[in-house]
């Protein structure tokens, strides 16, 4: 997938700074080419739960943000994230005391 198309699908308006940030994330994400499509699919699936995939502002990773309006919907979002991780062998790190994960990359 072209970088500009990926940014648009994630809800960004592409510009040089965002394209450079996405390139760094791609380079930092282990096995990115194997999981890129799955990351976009997860983003689409999480929309129903008021959650999403975005680019982290503090680290060169994609982040998954659970912004659900109640704990039941949040639990559904967390289950989708766990399913994504298990099914596609994607290593994720959950931040302590936050509803945020980082996508580290493909686990061999």
Protein backbone atom coordinates (compact mmCIF):
# COMPACT_ATOMS: atom_id res chain seq x y z
CA UNK A 1 0.00 0.00 0.00
CA UNK A 2 1.28 3.45 -0.87
CA UNK A 3 2.17 5.61 2.12
CA UNK A 4 -0.23 8.39 1.14
CA UNK A 5 -3.13 5.93 0.84
CA UNK A 6 -2.28 4.47 4.24
CA UNK A 7 -2.25 7.91 5.86
CA UNK A 8 -5.62 8.75 4.31
CA UNK A 9 -7.11 5.46 5.49
CA UNK A 10 -5.89 6.24 9.02
CA UNK A 11 -7.55 9.66 8.86
CA UNK A 12 -4.50 11.87 8.22
CA UNK A 13 -4.04 14.51 5.53
CA UNK A 14 -0.73 13.47 3.93
CA UNK A 15 2.17 15.89 4.04
CA UNK A 16 5.96 15.53 3.98
CA UNK A 17 6.31 15.34 7.78
CA UNK A 18 3.67 12.60 8.12
CA UNK A 19 5.13 10.66 5.19
CA UNK A 20 8.56 10.80 6.86
CA UNK A 21 7.05 9.70 10.19
CA UNK A 22 5.27 6.78 8.51
CA UNK A 23 8.53 5.73 6.81
CA UNK A 24 10.28 5.65 10.21
CA UNK A 25 7.44 3.57 11.67
CA UNK A 26 7.62 1.12 8.76
CA UNK A 27 11.39 0.75 9.24
CA UNK A 28 11.01 0.28 13.00
CA UNK A 29 8.17 -2.28 12.82
CA UNK A 30 9.54 -5.82 12.57
CA UNK A 31 8.16 -7.63 9.50
CA UNK A 32 6.03 -4.63 8.56
CA UNK A 33 5.37 -5.85 5.02
CA UNK A 34 3.81 -9.04 6.44
CA UNK A 35 1.38 -7.26 8.77
CA UNK A 36 0.63 -3.95 7.02
CA UNK A 37 -2.73 -5.12 5.62
CA UNK A 38 -3.71 -6.63 8.97
CA UNK A 39 -2.97 -3.34 10.75
CA UNK A 40 -5.35 -1.54 8.38
CA UNK A 41 -7.99 -4.25 8.83
CA UNK A 42 -7.70 -3.88 12.63
CA UNK A 43 -8.16 -0.12 12.29
CA UNK A 44 -11.36 -0.69 10.32
CA UNK A 45 -12.68 -3.27 12.82
CA UNK A 46 -11.98 -1.03 15.81
CA UNK A 47 -13.95 1.93 14.46
CA UNK A 48 -17.19 0.30 15.62
CA UNK A 49 -15.80 0.36 19.18
CA UNK A 50 -14.68 4.02 19.08
CA UNK A 51 -11.08 2.82 18.91
CA UNK A 52 -8.41 3.12 16.22
CA UNK A 53 -4.84 2.67 14.99
CA UNK A 54 -2.73 5.83 14.71
CA UNK A 55 0.88 6.91 14.49
CA UNK A 56 2.48 7.49 17.86
CA UNK A 57 3.82 10.98 18.50
CA UNK A 58 6.38 9.77 21.02
CA UNK A 59 7.75 6.54 19.50
CA UNK A 60 8.31 5.23 15.97
CA UNK A 61 5.45 2.74 16.17
CA UNK A 62 1.80 2.49 15.35
CA UNK A 63 -0.33 2.79 18.43
CA UNK A 64 -3.73 1.26 19.08
CA UNK A 65 -5.96 3.53 21.13
CA UNK A 66 -9.07 2.24 22.88
CA UNK A 67 -11.42 5.22 23.29
CA UNK A 68 -14.60 3.28 24.02
CA UNK A 69 -17.42 5.06 25.81
CA UNK A 70 -17.96 2.28 28.36
CA UNK A 71 -16.22 -0.79 29.74
CA UNK A 72 -18.31 -3.28 27.74
CA UNK A 73 -17.31 -1.71 24.44
CA UNK A 74 -13.72 -1.35 25.67
CA UNK A 75 -13.64 -5.07 26.48
CA UNK A 76 -14.78 -5.85 22.93
CA UNK A 77 -12.02 -3.63 21.52
CA UNK A 78 -9.38 -5.28 23.74
CA UNK A 79 -10.59 -8.70 22.57
CA UNK A 80 -10.27 -7.65 18.92
CA UNK A 81 -6.72 -6.45 19.62
CA UNK A 82 -5.83 -9.75 21.33
CA UNK A 83 -7.33 -11.69 18.42
CA UNK A 84 -5.31 -9.59 15.95
CA UNK A 85 -2.12 -10.23 17.91
CA UNK A 86 -2.69 -13.97 18.29
CA UNK A 87 -3.96 -14.67 14.77
CA UNK A 88 -1.31 -12.73 12.86
CA UNK A 89 1.55 -13.27 15.35
CA UNK A 90 1.96 -9.56 15.98
CA UNK A 91 3.82 -8.45 19.08
CA UNK A 92 2.06 -5.61 20.88
CA UNK A 93 2.95 -3.82 24.09
CA UNK A 94 0.20 -2.39 26.31
CA UNK A 95 1.11 0.73 28.21
CA UNK A 96 0.57 0.50 31.95
CA UNK A 97 -2.55 2.27 33.22
CA UNK A 98 -3.50 3.37 29.69
CA UNK A 99 -5.85 2.14 27.00
CA UNK A 100 -3.00 2.21 24.49
CA UNK A 101 -0.85 -0.42 22.80
CA UNK A 102 2.19 -0.18 20.54
CA UNK A 103 2.49 -2.48 17.53
CA UNK A 104 6.06 -3.77 17.72
CA UNK A 105 5.93 -6.10 14.75
CA UNK A 106 5.69 -9.62 13.43
CA UNK A 107 6.80 -12.39 15.80
CA UNK A 108 8.80 -15.12 14.08
